[in-house]
C-alpha atoms as a PDB file:
ATOM      1  CA  UNK A   1     -17.255  12.873  -0.262  1.00  0.00           C
ATOM      2  CA  UNK A   2     -18.860  10.254   1.713  1.00  0.00           C
ATOM      3  CA  UNK A   3     -17.115  10.201   5.294  1.00  0.00           C
ATOM      4  CA  UNK A   4     -16.340   6.633   7.405  1.00  0.00           C
ATOM      5  CA  UNK A   5     -17.325   6.236  10.977  1.00  0.00           C
ATOM      6  CA  UNK A   6     -14.677   5.286  13.100  1.00  0.00           C
ATOM      7  CA  UNK A   7     -16.299   2.012  13.551  1.00  0.00           C
ATOM      8  CA  UNK A   8     -16.120   1.316   9.409  1.00  0.00           C
ATOM      9  CA  UNK A   9     -12.595   2.884   9.007  1.00  0.00           C
ATOM     10  CA  UNK A  10     -11.278   0.822  12.002  1.00  0.00           C
ATOM     11  CA  UNK A  11     -12.438  -2.575  10.300  1.00  0.00           C
ATOM     12  CA  UNK A  12     -11.485  -1.536   6.742  1.00  0.00           C
ATOM     13  CA  UNK A  13      -8.123  -0.732   8.139  1.00  0.00           C
ATOM     14  CA  UNK A  14      -7.592  -3.946  10.121  1.00  0.00           C
ATOM     15  CA  UNK A  15      -8.741  -5.755   6.810  1.00  0.00           C
ATOM     16  CA  UNK A  16      -6.016  -3.694   5.020  1.00  0.00           C
ATOM     17  CA  UNK A  17      -3.663  -4.149   7.325  1.00  0.00           C
ATOM     18  CA  UNK A  18      -4.119  -8.159   8.085  1.00  0.00           C
ATOM     19  CA  UNK A  19      -4.008  -8.502   4.106  1.00  0.00           C
ATOM     20  CA  UNK A  20      -1.106  -6.742   3.087  1.00  0.00           C
ATOM     21  CA  UNK A  21       0.951  -8.326   6.093  1.00  0.00           C
ATOM     22  CA  UNK A  22      -0.137 -11.736   5.526  1.00  0.00           C
ATOM     23  CA  UNK A  23       0.694 -11.558   1.763  1.00  0.00           C
ATOM     24  CA  UNK A  24       4.195 -11.251   2.013  1.00  0.00           C
ATOM     25  CA  UNK A  25       4.846 -15.032   3.231  1.00  0.00           C
ATOM     26  CA  UNK A  26       1.978 -16.074   1.154  1.00  0.00           C
ATOM     27  CA  UNK A  27       3.755 -14.476  -1.812  1.00  0.00           C
ATOM     28  CA  UNK A  28       7.562 -15.733  -0.693  1.00  0.00           C
ATOM     29  CA  UNK A  29       6.114 -19.175  -0.594  1.00  0.00           C
ATOM     30  CA  UNK A  30       4.874 -19.499  -3.757  1.00  0.00           C
ATOM     31  CA  UNK A  31       7.299 -17.315  -5.420  1.00  0.00           C
ATOM     32  CA  UNK A  32       9.679 -20.564  -4.876  1.00  0.00           C
ATOM     33  CA  UNK A  33       7.561 -22.106  -7.945  1.00  0.00           C
ATOM     34  CA  UNK A  34       7.414 -19.010 -10.129  1.00  0.00           C
ATOM     35  CA  UNK A  35       9.310 -16.421 -11.617  1.00  0.00           C
ATOM     36  CA  UNK A  36       8.782 -13.170  -9.751  1.00  0.00           C
ATOM     37  CA  UNK A  37       7.837 -10.633 -12.294  1.00  0.00           C
ATOM     38  CA  UNK A  38       5.015 -13.380 -14.391  1.00  0.00           C
ATOM     39  CA  UNK A  39       3.649 -13.559 -11.048  1.00  0.00           C
ATOM     40  CA  UNK A  40       3.300  -9.889 -10.140  1.00  0.00           C
ATOM     41  CA  UNK A  41       2.015  -9.202 -13.465  1.00  0.00           C
ATOM     42  CA  UNK A  42      -0.614 -12.094 -13.863  1.00  0.00           C
ATOM     43  CA  UNK A  43      -2.042 -11.533 -10.552  1.00  0.00           C
ATOM     44  CA  UNK A  44      -2.740  -7.967 -10.667  1.00  0.00           C
ATOM     45  CA  UNK A  45      -4.020  -8.290 -14.625  1.00  0.00           C
ATOM     46  CA  UNK A  46      -6.032 -11.348 -13.674  1.00  0.00           C
ATOM     47  CA  UNK A  47      -6.792  -8.996 -10.697  1.00  0.00           C
ATOM     48  CA  UNK A  48      -8.290  -6.411 -13.083  1.00  0.00           C
ATOM     49  CA  UNK A  49     -10.253  -8.593 -15.037  1.00  0.00           C
ATOM     50  CA  UNK A  50     -12.386 -10.224 -12.444  1.00  0.00           C
ATOM     51  CA  UNK A  51     -13.233  -6.697 -10.615  1.00  0.00           C
ATOM     52  CA  UNK A  52     -13.740  -5.106 -14.330  1.00  0.00           C
ATOM     53  CA  UNK A  53     -16.628  -8.078 -14.513  1.00  0.00           C
ATOM     54  CA  UNK A  54     -17.760  -7.844 -10.837  1.00  0.00           C
ATOM     55  CA  UNK A  55     -18.272  -3.931 -11.722  1.00  0.00           C
ATOM     56  CA  UNK A  56     -19.777  -4.479 -15.444  1.00  0.00           C
ATOM     57  CA  UNK A  57     -23.503  -3.318 -14.060  1.00  0.00           C
ATOM     58  CA  UNK A  58     -21.438   0.013 -12.851  1.00  0.00           C
ATOM     59  CA  UNK A  59     -19.591   0.578 -16.858  1.00  0.00           C
ATOM     60  CA  UNK A  60     -21.607   3.897 -17.104  1.00  0.00           C
ATOM     61  CA  UNK A  61     -18.715   4.952 -14.511  1.00  0.00           C
ATOM     62  CA  UNK A  62     -16.402   4.600 -15.793  1.00  0.00           C
ATOM     63  CA  UNK A  63     -16.196   7.808 -18.170  1.00  0.00           C
ATOM     64  CA  UNK A  64     -13.289   6.797 -20.367  1.00  0.00           C
ATOM     65  CA  UNK A  65     -12.917  10.518 -22.583  1.00  0.00           C
ATOM     66  CA  UNK A  66     -13.026  12.762 -19.189  1.00  0.00           C
ATOM     67  CA  UNK A  67     -10.808   9.508 -16.737  1.00  0.00           C
ATOM     68  CA  UNK A  68      -8.555   7.961 -18.628  1.00  0.00           C
ATOM     69  CA  UNK A  69      -5.327  10.054 -17.908  1.00  0.00           C
ATOM     70  CA  UNK A  70      -6.400   9.232 -14.215  1.00  0.00           C
ATOM     71  CA  UNK A  71      -6.213   5.629 -14.572  1.00  0.00           C
ATOM     72  CA  UNK A  72      -3.204   5.828 -16.695  1.00  0.00           C
ATOM     73  CA  UNK A  73      -1.213   7.421 -14.107  1.00  0.00           C
ATOM     74  CA  UNK A  74      -2.277   5.808 -11.469  1.00  0.00           C
ATOM     75  CA  UNK A  75      -1.363   2.454 -12.939  1.00  0.00           C
ATOM     76  CA  UNK A  76       2.258   3.478 -13.520  1.00  0.00           C
ATOM     77  CA  UNK A  77       2.627   4.435 -10.091  1.00  0.00           C
ATOM     78  CA  UNK A  78       0.755   2.282  -8.511  1.00  0.00           C
ATOM     79  CA  UNK A  79       2.024  -0.817 -10.327  1.00  0.00           C
ATOM     80  CA  UNK A  80       4.247  -0.744 -12.762  1.00  0.00           C
ATOM     81  CA  UNK A  81       6.791   0.994 -10.657  1.00  0.00           C
ATOM     82  CA  UNK A  82       5.415  -0.347  -7.295  1.00  0.00           C
ATOM     83  CA  UNK A  83       5.087  -3.916  -8.234  1.00  0.00           C
ATOM     84  CA  UNK A  84       7.871  -3.982 -11.193  1.00  0.00           C
ATOM     85  CA  UNK A  85      10.428  -1.894  -9.397  1.00  0.00           C
ATOM     86  CA  UNK A  86       9.811  -4.067  -5.987  1.00  0.00           C
ATOM     87  CA  UNK A  87      10.322  -7.443  -7.899  1.00  0.00           C
ATOM     88  CA  UNK A  88      13.559  -6.421  -9.684  1.00  0.00           C
ATOM     89  CA  UNK A  89      15.023  -4.764  -6.243  1.00  0.00           C
ATOM     90  CA  UNK A  90      14.770  -7.484  -4.175  1.00  0.00           C
ATOM     91  CA  UNK A  91      17.245  -9.345  -6.284  1.00  0.00           C
ATOM     92  CA  UNK A  92      19.866  -7.134  -5.040  1.00  0.00           C
ATOM     93  CA  UNK A  93      19.366  -6.621  -1.532  1.00  0.00           C
ATOM     94  CA  UNK A  94      17.878  -8.086   1.717  1.00  0.00           C
ATOM     95  CA  UNK A  95      14.275  -8.070   1.992  1.00  0.00           C
ATOM     96  CA  UNK A  96      14.230  -6.925   5.538  1.00  0.00           C
ATOM     97  CA  UNK A  97      16.339  -3.976   4.713  1.00  0.00           C
ATOM     98  CA  UNK A  98      14.357  -3.220   1.039  1.00  0.00           C
ATOM     99  CA  UNK A  99      10.685  -3.070   3.083  1.00  0.00           C
ATOM    100  CA  UNK A 100      12.056  -0.529   5.510  1.00  0.00           C
ATOM    101  CA  UNK A 101      13.112   1.824   2.373  1.00  0.00           C
ATOM    102  CA  UNK A 102       9.951   1.113   0.568  1.00  0.00           C
ATOM    103  CA  UNK A 103       8.102   2.313   4.151  1.00  0.00           C
ATOM    104  CA  UNK A 104       9.395   5.520   3.700  1.00  0.00           C
ATOM    105  CA  UNK A 105       5.865   5.870   2.246  1.00  0.00           C
ATOM    106  CA  UNK A 106       3.935   7.236   4.858  1.00  0.00           C
ATOM    107  CA  UNK A 107       6.534   9.683   5.658  1.00  0.00           C
ATOM    108  CA  UNK A 108       6.855  10.934   1.912  1.00  0.00           C
ATOM    109  CA  UNK A 109       2.655  10.811   1.798  1.00  0.00           C
ATOM    110  CA  UNK A 110       2.924  12.928   4.753  1.00  0.00           C
ATOM    111  CA  UNK A 111       4.838  15.595   3.549  1.00  0.00           C
ATOM    112  CA  UNK A 112       3.133  15.181  -0.568  1.00  0.00           C
ATOM    113  CA  UNK A 113      -0.122  15.748   1.381  1.00  0.00           C
ATOM    114  CA  UNK A 114       0.672  18.881   3.044  1.00  0.00           C
ATOM    115  CA  UNK A 115       2.141  20.381   0.194  1.00  0.00           C
ATOM    116  CA  UNK A 116      -0.215  19.478  -2.696  1.00  0.00           C
ATOM    117  CA  UNK A 117      -3.411  18.523  -1.113  1.00  0.00           C
ATOM    118  CA  UNK A 118      -3.215  21.141   1.895  1.00  0.00           C
ATOM    119  CA  UNK A 119      -3.519  18.355   4.916  1.00  0.00           C
ATOM    120  CA  UNK A 120      -2.003  19.945   8.295  1.00  0.00           C
ATOM    121  CA  UNK A 121       1.375  19.012   9.005  1.00  0.00           C
ATOM    122  CA  UNK A 122       1.819  19.798  12.923  1.00  0.00           C
ATOM    123  CA  UNK A 123       4.696  18.726  15.029  1.00  0.00           C
ATOM    124  CA  UNK A 124       3.115  15.518  16.662  1.00  0.00           C
ATOM    125  CA  UNK A 125       2.694  13.936  13.217  1.00  0.00           C
ATOM    126  CA  UNK A 126       6.117  14.817  11.996  1.00  0.00           C
ATOM    127  CA  UNK A 127       7.029  12.801  15.050  1.00  0.00           C
ATOM    128  CA  UNK A 128       4.859   9.915  14.303  1.00  0.00           C
ATOM    129  CA  UNK A 129       6.166   9.620  11.484  1.00  0.00           C
ATOM    130  CA  UNK A 130       9.395   9.869  11.867  1.00  0.00           C
ATOM    131  CA  UNK A 131       8.589   7.471  14.996  1.00  0.00           C
ATOM    132  CA  UNK A 132       7.007   4.619  12.746  1.00  0.00           C
ATOM    133  CA  UNK A 133       9.473   4.296  10.274  1.00  0.00           C
ATOM    134  CA  UNK A 134      12.410   3.808  12.779  1.00  0.00           C
ATOM    135  CA  UNK A 135       9.668   1.030  13.983  1.00  0.00           C
ATOM    136  CA  UNK A 136       9.723  -0.729  10.615  1.00  0.00           C
ATOM    137  CA  UNK A 137      13.422  -0.156  10.408  1.00  0.00           C
ATOM    138  CA  UNK A 138      13.387  -1.846  13.988  1.00  0.00           C
ATOM    139  CA  UNK A 139      11.194  -4.422  13.040  1.00  0.00           C
ATOM    140  CA  UNK A 140      12.839  -5.530   9.759  1.00  0.00           C
ATOM    141  CA  UNK A 141      16.430  -4.739  11.257  1.00  0.00           C
ATOM    142  CA  UNK A 142      16.968  -9.480  11.309  1.00  0.00           C
ATOM    143  CA  UNK A 143      16.997  -8.818   7.353  1.00  0.00           C
ATOM    144  CA  UNK A 144      19.955  -6.305   7.508  1.00  0.00           C
ATOM    145  CA  UNK A 145      22.321  -8.696   6.684  1.00  0.00           C
ATOM    146  CA  UNK A 146      23.853 -10.255   2.809  1.00  0.00           C
ATOM    147  CA  UNK A 147      24.433  -8.526   0.222  1.00  0.00           C
ATOM    148  CA  UNK A 148      23.484  -5.205  -0.410  1.00  0.00           C
ATOM    149  CA  UNK A 149      24.070  -3.153  -4.049  1.00  0.00           C
ATOM    150  CA  UNK A 150      23.664   0.616  -4.659  1.00  0.00           C
ATOM    151  CA  UNK A 151      20.754  -0.081  -7.191  1.00  0.00           C
ATOM    152  CA  UNK A 152      18.580  -2.358  -5.221  1.00  0.00           C
ATOM    153  CA  UNK A 153      18.880   1.376  -2.207  1.00  0.00           C
ATOM    154  CA  UNK A 154      17.605   3.402  -5.435  1.00  0.00           C
ATOM    155  CA  UNK A 155      15.423   1.002  -6.753  1.00  0.00           C
ATOM    156  CA  UNK A 156      13.375   0.349  -2.855  1.00  0.00           C
ATOM    157  CA  UNK A 157      13.417   4.775  -2.822  1.00  0.00           C
ATOM    158  CA  UNK A 158      11.536   4.762  -6.110  1.00  0.00           C
ATOM    159  CA  UNK A 159       9.156   1.862  -5.002  1.00  0.00           C
ATOM    160  CA  UNK A 160       8.503   3.657  -1.894  1.00  0.00           C
ATOM    161  CA  UNK A 161       8.437   7.276  -4.032  1.00  0.00           C
ATOM    162  CA  UNK A 162       6.096   6.225  -6.949  1.00  0.00           C
ATOM    163  CA  UNK A 163       3.738   4.656  -4.127  1.00  0.00           C
ATOM    164  CA  UNK A 164       3.630   7.535  -1.913  1.00  0.00           C
ATOM    165  CA  UNK A 165       3.279   9.872  -5.177  1.00  0.00           C
ATOM    166  CA  UNK A 166       0.180   7.530  -6.408  1.00  0.00           C
ATOM    167  CA  UNK A 167      -1.558   7.659  -3.081  1.00  0.00           C
ATOM    168  CA  UNK A 168      -1.718  11.294  -3.109  1.00  0.00           C
ATOM    169  CA  UNK A 169      -2.212  11.516  -6.631  1.00  0.00           C
ATOM    170  CA  UNK A 170      -5.845   9.421  -6.232  1.00  0.00           C
ATOM    171  CA  UNK A 171      -6.943  11.496  -3.058  1.00  0.00           C
ATOM    172  CA  UNK A 172      -6.542  14.483  -5.287  1.00  0.00           C
ATOM    173  CA  UNK A 173      -8.489  12.919  -8.419  1.00  0.00           C
ATOM    174  CA  UNK A 174     -10.945  10.823  -5.841  1.00  0.00           C
ATOM    175  CA  UNK A 175     -13.405  12.770  -6.720  1.00  0.00           C
ATOM    176  CA  UNK A 176     -13.797  12.685 -10.753  1.00  0.00           C
ATOM    177  CA  UNK A 177     -13.625   8.736 -10.879  1.00  0.00           C
ATOM    178  CA  UNK A 178     -14.889   5.754  -8.999  1.00  0.00           C
ATOM    179  CA  UNK A 179     -12.679   4.276  -6.629  1.00  0.00           C
ATOM    180  CA  UNK A 180     -13.734   0.642  -8.072  1.00  0.00           C
ATOM    181  CA  UNK A 181     -13.001   1.321 -11.515  1.00  0.00           C
ATOM    182  CA  UNK A 182      -9.830   3.082 -10.379  1.00  0.00           C
ATOM    183  CA  UNK A 183      -8.139  -0.297  -8.869  1.00  0.00           C
ATOM    184  CA  UNK A 184      -9.645  -2.470 -12.020  1.00  0.00           C
ATOM    185  CA  UNK A 185      -8.037  -0.440 -14.785  1.00  0.00           C
ATOM    186  CA  UNK A 186      -4.907   0.373 -12.738  1.00  0.00           C
ATOM    187  CA  UNK A 187      -4.898  -3.547 -12.252  1.00  0.00           C
ATOM    188  CA  UNK A 188      -5.612  -4.364 -15.599  1.00  0.00           C
ATOM    189  CA  UNK A 189      -3.353  -1.632 -17.231  1.00  0.00           C
ATOM    190  CA  UNK A 190      -0.480  -2.512 -15.115  1.00  0.00           C
ATOM    191  CA  UNK A 191      -0.791  -6.037 -14.915  1.00  0.00           C
ATOM    192  CA  UNK A 192      -0.812  -6.191 -19.204  1.00  0.00           C
ATOM    193  CA  UNK A 193       2.957  -4.415 -19.071  1.00  0.00           C
ATOM    194  CA  UNK A 194       4.122  -6.371 -16.107  1.00  0.00           C
ATOM    195  CA  UNK A 195       2.949  -9.627 -17.616  1.00  0.00           C
ATOM    196  CA  UNK A 196       4.081  -8.782 -20.636  1.00  0.00           C
ATOM    197  CA  UNK A 197       7.864  -7.728 -19.278  1.00  0.00           C
ATOM    198  CA  UNK A 198       7.686 -11.387 -17.536  1.00  0.00           C
ATOM    199  CA  UNK A 199       7.274 -13.187 -20.704  1.00  0.00           C
ATOM    200  CA  UNK A 200       9.755 -11.813 -22.045  1.00  0.00           C
ATOM    201  CA  UNK A 201      12.234 -12.083 -19.968  1.00  0.00           C
ATOM    202  CA  UNK A 202      11.353 -14.764 -17.735  1.00  0.00           C
ATOM    203  CA  UNK A 203       8.722 -17.662 -19.548  1.00  0.00           C
ATOM    204  CA  UNK A 204       5.243 -19.315 -18.389  1.00  0.00           C
ATOM    205  CA  UNK A 205       7.318 -23.193 -18.299  1.00  0.00           C
ATOM    206  CA  UNK A 206       9.097 -22.034 -15.461  1.00  0.00           C
ATOM    207  CA  UNK A 207       5.671 -21.845 -13.480  1.00  0.00           C
ATOM    208  CA  UNK A 208       5.108 -24.620 -11.200  1.00  0.00           C
ATOM    209  CA  UNK A 209       1.811 -25.201 -11.078  1.00  0.00           C
ATOM    210  CA  UNK A 210       0.991 -26.906  -7.618  1.00  0.00           C
ATOM    211  CA  UNK A 211      -1.094 -26.110  -4.733  1.00  0.00           C
ATOM    212  CA  UNK A 212       0.945 -23.539  -3.204  1.00  0.00           C
ATOM    213  CA  UNK A 213       1.725 -21.807  -6.156  1.00  0.00           C
ATOM    214  CA  UNK A 214      -2.300 -21.819  -7.237  1.00  0.00           C
ATOM    215  CA  UNK A 215      -2.704 -20.657  -3.336  1.00  0.00           C
ATOM    216  CA  UNK A 216      -0.808 -17.499  -3.735  1.00  0.00           C
ATOM    217  CA  UNK A 217      -1.723 -16.388  -7.010  1.00  0.00           C
ATOM    218  CA  UNK A 218      -5.467 -16.823  -6.275  1.00  0.00           C
ATOM    219  CA  UNK A 219      -5.253 -15.175  -3.080  1.00  0.00           C
ATOM    220  CA  UNK A 220      -3.441 -12.156  -4.555  1.00  0.00           C
ATOM    221  CA  UNK A 221      -5.973 -12.022  -7.303  1.00  0.00           C
ATOM    222  CA  UNK A 222      -8.960 -12.026  -5.512  1.00  0.00           C
ATOM    223  CA  UNK A 223      -7.843 -10.491  -1.745  1.00  0.00           C
ATOM    224  CA  UNK A 224      -3.936  -9.239  -2.174  1.00  0.00           C
ATOM    225  CA  UNK A 225      -4.518  -7.316  -5.074  1.00  0.00           C
ATOM    226  CA  UNK A 226      -8.566  -6.507  -5.793  1.00  0.00           C
ATOM    227  CA  UNK A 227      -9.700  -6.231  -2.036  1.00  0.00           C
ATOM    228  CA  UNK A 228      -7.690  -4.535  -0.470  1.00  0.00           C
ATOM    229  CA  UNK A 229      -6.430  -1.786  -2.846  1.00  0.00           C
ATOM    230  CA  UNK A 230     -10.475  -1.024  -3.526  1.00  0.00           C
ATOM    231  CA  UNK A 231     -10.425  -0.773   0.336  1.00  0.00           C
ATOM    232  CA  UNK A 232      -6.965   1.432   0.503  1.00  0.00           C
ATOM    233  CA  UNK A 233      -8.566   3.850  -1.866  1.00  0.00           C
ATOM    234  CA  UNK A 234     -11.812   3.806   0.176  1.00  0.00           C
ATOM    235  CA  UNK A 235      -9.970   5.210   3.105  1.00  0.00           C
ATOM    236  CA  UNK A 236      -7.988   7.280   0.951  1.00  0.00           C
ATOM    237  CA  UNK A 237     -10.674   9.010  -0.256  1.00  0.00           C
ATOM    238  CA  UNK A 238     -12.628   9.444   2.554  1.00  0.00           C
ATOM    239  CA  UNK A 239     -10.140  10.886   5.022  1.00  0.00           C
ATOM    240  CA  UNK A 240      -6.464  12.284   5.322  1.00  0.00           C
ATOM    241  CA  UNK A 241      -4.306  10.421   2.925  1.00  0.00           C
ATOM    242  CA  UNK A 242      -1.126  10.785   5.577  1.00  0.00           C
ATOM    243  CA  UNK A 243      -3.231   9.514   8.458  1.00  0.00           C
ATOM    244  CA  UNK A 244      -4.051   6.256   6.435  1.00  0.00           C
ATOM    245  CA  UNK A 245      -0.670   5.902   5.178  1.00  0.00           C
ATOM    246  CA  UNK A 246       0.374   5.811   8.434  1.00  0.00           C
ATOM    247  CA  UNK A 247      -1.437   2.558   9.497  1.00  0.00           C
ATOM    248  CA  UNK A 248       0.389   0.978   6.804  1.00  0.00           C
ATOM    249  CA  UNK A 249       3.804   1.301   9.190  1.00  0.00           C
ATOM    250  CA  UNK A 250       1.789  -2.343  10.701  1.00  0.00           C
ATOM    251  CA  UNK A 251       1.787  -4.027   7.821  1.00  0.00           C
ATOM    252  CA  UNK A 252       5.667  -5.012   7.791  1.00  0.00           C
ATOM    253  CA  UNK A 253       5.008  -6.268  11.655  1.00  0.00           C
ATOM    254  CA  UNK A 254       2.343  -8.454  10.560  1.00  0.00           C
ATOM    255  CA  UNK A 255       4.615  -9.600   7.570  1.00  0.00           C
ATOM    256  CA  UNK A 256       6.797 -10.654  10.768  1.00  0.00           C
ATOM    257  CA  UNK A 257       4.139 -12.045  12.835  1.00  0.00           C
ATOM    258  CA  UNK A 258       2.907 -14.478  10.048  1.00  0.00           C
ATOM    259  CA  UNK A 259       6.462 -15.519   8.909  1.00  0.00           C
ATOM    260  CA  UNK A 260       7.066 -16.526  12.531  1.00  0.00           C
ATOM    261  CA  UNK A 261       3.334 -18.472  12.678  1.00  0.00           C
ATOM    262  CA  UNK A 262       3.535 -20.096   9.480  1.00  0.00           C
ATOM    263  CA  UNK A 263       7.423 -20.525   8.062  1.00  0.00           C
ATOM    264  CA  UNK A 264       8.904 -20.107  11.874  1.00  0.00           C
ATOM    265  CA  UNK A 265      11.269 -17.555  10.986  1.00  0.00           C
ATOM    266  CA  UNK A 266      12.738 -16.239  14.387  1.00  0.00           C
ATOM    267  CA  UNK A 267      10.971 -14.201  17.222  1.00  0.00           C
ATOM    268  CA  UNK A 268      13.017 -11.227  18.523  1.00  0.00           C
ATOM    269  CA  UNK A 269      13.020  -8.066  20.956  1.00  0.00           C
ATOM    270  CA  UNK A 270      13.223  -6.385  17.581  1.00  0.00           C
ATOM    271  CA  UNK A 271       9.600  -7.062  17.175  1.00  0.00           C
ATOM    272  CA  UNK A 272       8.602  -5.960  20.387  1.00  0.00           C
ATOM    273  CA  UNK A 273       9.821  -2.389  20.192  1.00  0.00           C
ATOM    274  CA  UNK A 274       9.009  -2.047  16.819  1.00  0.00           C
ATOM    275  CA  UNK A 275       5.498  -2.961  17.459  1.00  0.00           C
ATOM    276  CA  UNK A 276       5.755  -0.094  20.464  1.00  0.00           C
ATOM    277  CA  UNK A 277       7.104   2.300  18.072  1.00  0.00           C
ATOM    278  CA  UNK A 278       4.609   1.828  15.564  1.00  0.00           C
ATOM    279  CA  UNK A 279       1.575   1.999  18.265  1.00  0.00           C
ATOM    280  CA  UNK A 280       2.978   5.720  19.436  1.00  0.00           C
ATOM    281  CA  UNK A 281       3.740   6.699  15.568  1.00  0.00           C
ATOM    282  CA  UNK A 282      -0.254   6.017  14.113  1.00  0.00           C
ATOM    283  CA  UNK A 283      -1.189   7.686  17.911  1.00  0.00           C
ATOM    284  CA  UNK A 284       0.952  10.870  17.183  1.00  0.00           C
ATOM    285  CA  UNK A 285       0.213  10.717  13.143  1.00  0.00           C
ATOM    286  CA  UNK A 286      -3.477  10.519  14.161  1.00  0.00           C
ATOM    287  CA  UNK A 287      -4.271  12.518  17.037  1.00  0.00           C
ATOM    288  CA  UNK A 288      -5.584  15.937  17.074  1.00  0.00           C
ATOM    289  CA  UNK A 289      -3.716  18.608  19.106  1.00  0.00           C
ATOM    290  CA  UNK A 290      -6.078  20.856  21.154  1.00  0.00           C
ATOM    291  CA  UNK A 291      -5.391  24.231  18.401  1.00  0.00           C
ATOM    292  CA  UNK A 292      -6.977  22.231  15.405  1.00  0.00           C
ATOM    293  CA  UNK A 293      -9.484  21.014  17.657  1.00  0.00           C
ATOM    294  CA  UNK A 294     -10.219  24.522  19.001  1.00  0.00           C
ATOM    295  CA  UNK A 295     -10.262  25.200  15.477  1.00  0.00           C
ATOM    296  CA  UNK A 296     -12.775  22.505  14.411  1.00  0.00           C
ATOM    297  CA  UNK A 297     -15.014  23.529  16.431  1.00  0.00           C
ATOM    298  CA  UNK A 298     -15.245  27.167  15.831  1.00  0.00           C
ATOM    299  CA  UNK A 299     -17.525  27.024  12.915  1.00  0.00           C
ATOM    300  CA  UNK A 300     -19.912  24.787  14.973  1.00  0.00           C
ATOM    301  CA  UNK A 301     -20.225  27.362  17.655  1.00  0.00           C
ATOM    302  CA  UNK A 302     -20.211  30.687  14.948  1.00  0.00           C
ATOM    303  CA  UNK A 303     -23.325  28.633  13.362  1.00  0.00           C
ATOM    304  CA  UNK A 304     -24.794  28.352  16.853  1.00  0.00           C
ATOM    305  CA  UNK A 305     -24.555  31.547  18.174  1.00  0.00           C
ATOM    306  CA  UNK A 306     -26.213  33.176  15.110  1.00  0.00           C
ATOM    307  CA  UNK A 307     -28.596  31.289  15.085  1.00  0.00           C
END
């Protein structure tokens, strides 16, 4: 399994956080002109088709007979449940609170990666994940007003849970499948389901084909779906799933910053406090304790002494 250098990881994480953070205001503008489920389905379906077309010369890497269960399970967790429940859940509660509950995902990834992948769970990582969640809560505190239904809370928690399970599952099976083909198939299969559900419950005639909608759709197809998921899986495949997930705490922060710049949403002290908490969180989750450093150095020391 190819490891990424620190510089490669830095640029890929920066790209991922920037794209996912900017996606929220871009999609928010586009959703004024389209039904939500159809919008989610079309950008995932078309994104999967576009990526599959680009990958066609490497079709020998698909290995459908051996890998179809991985493609389908990833589609269920990372697209159908994640995007579908997210779209429906936002109808029942404010977006700020919904995003906080969804961003339990890095905490859940840390727990699942420890239980199922054998990744180390240190005290600093536990504290860091909790602080990161508190940072997301602080950033999103302004969205806590409004009607809150129990079904919305349940849907938000299941959304975060499905994303966490999908991340850990992909990490566990990463040696079996090509990560780019995995993104293509999960988007294609998930997109078919979401588009089908949207066409039955919403209708294509409700779409207003103007510049904001087309821009949001194209952005989602090319960057927000295909490119970002490919980068996310590459990062998860090459490093600790819990460490990669910890950086997604920055997404709501970037989203609020983007809303402030482009949608004239207010800049608050909560944003600054959240930034500090999230920064501390990422440091703690990615910080290696002295004991772990010593344990990692032992094999090298033994090899040197034996030679």
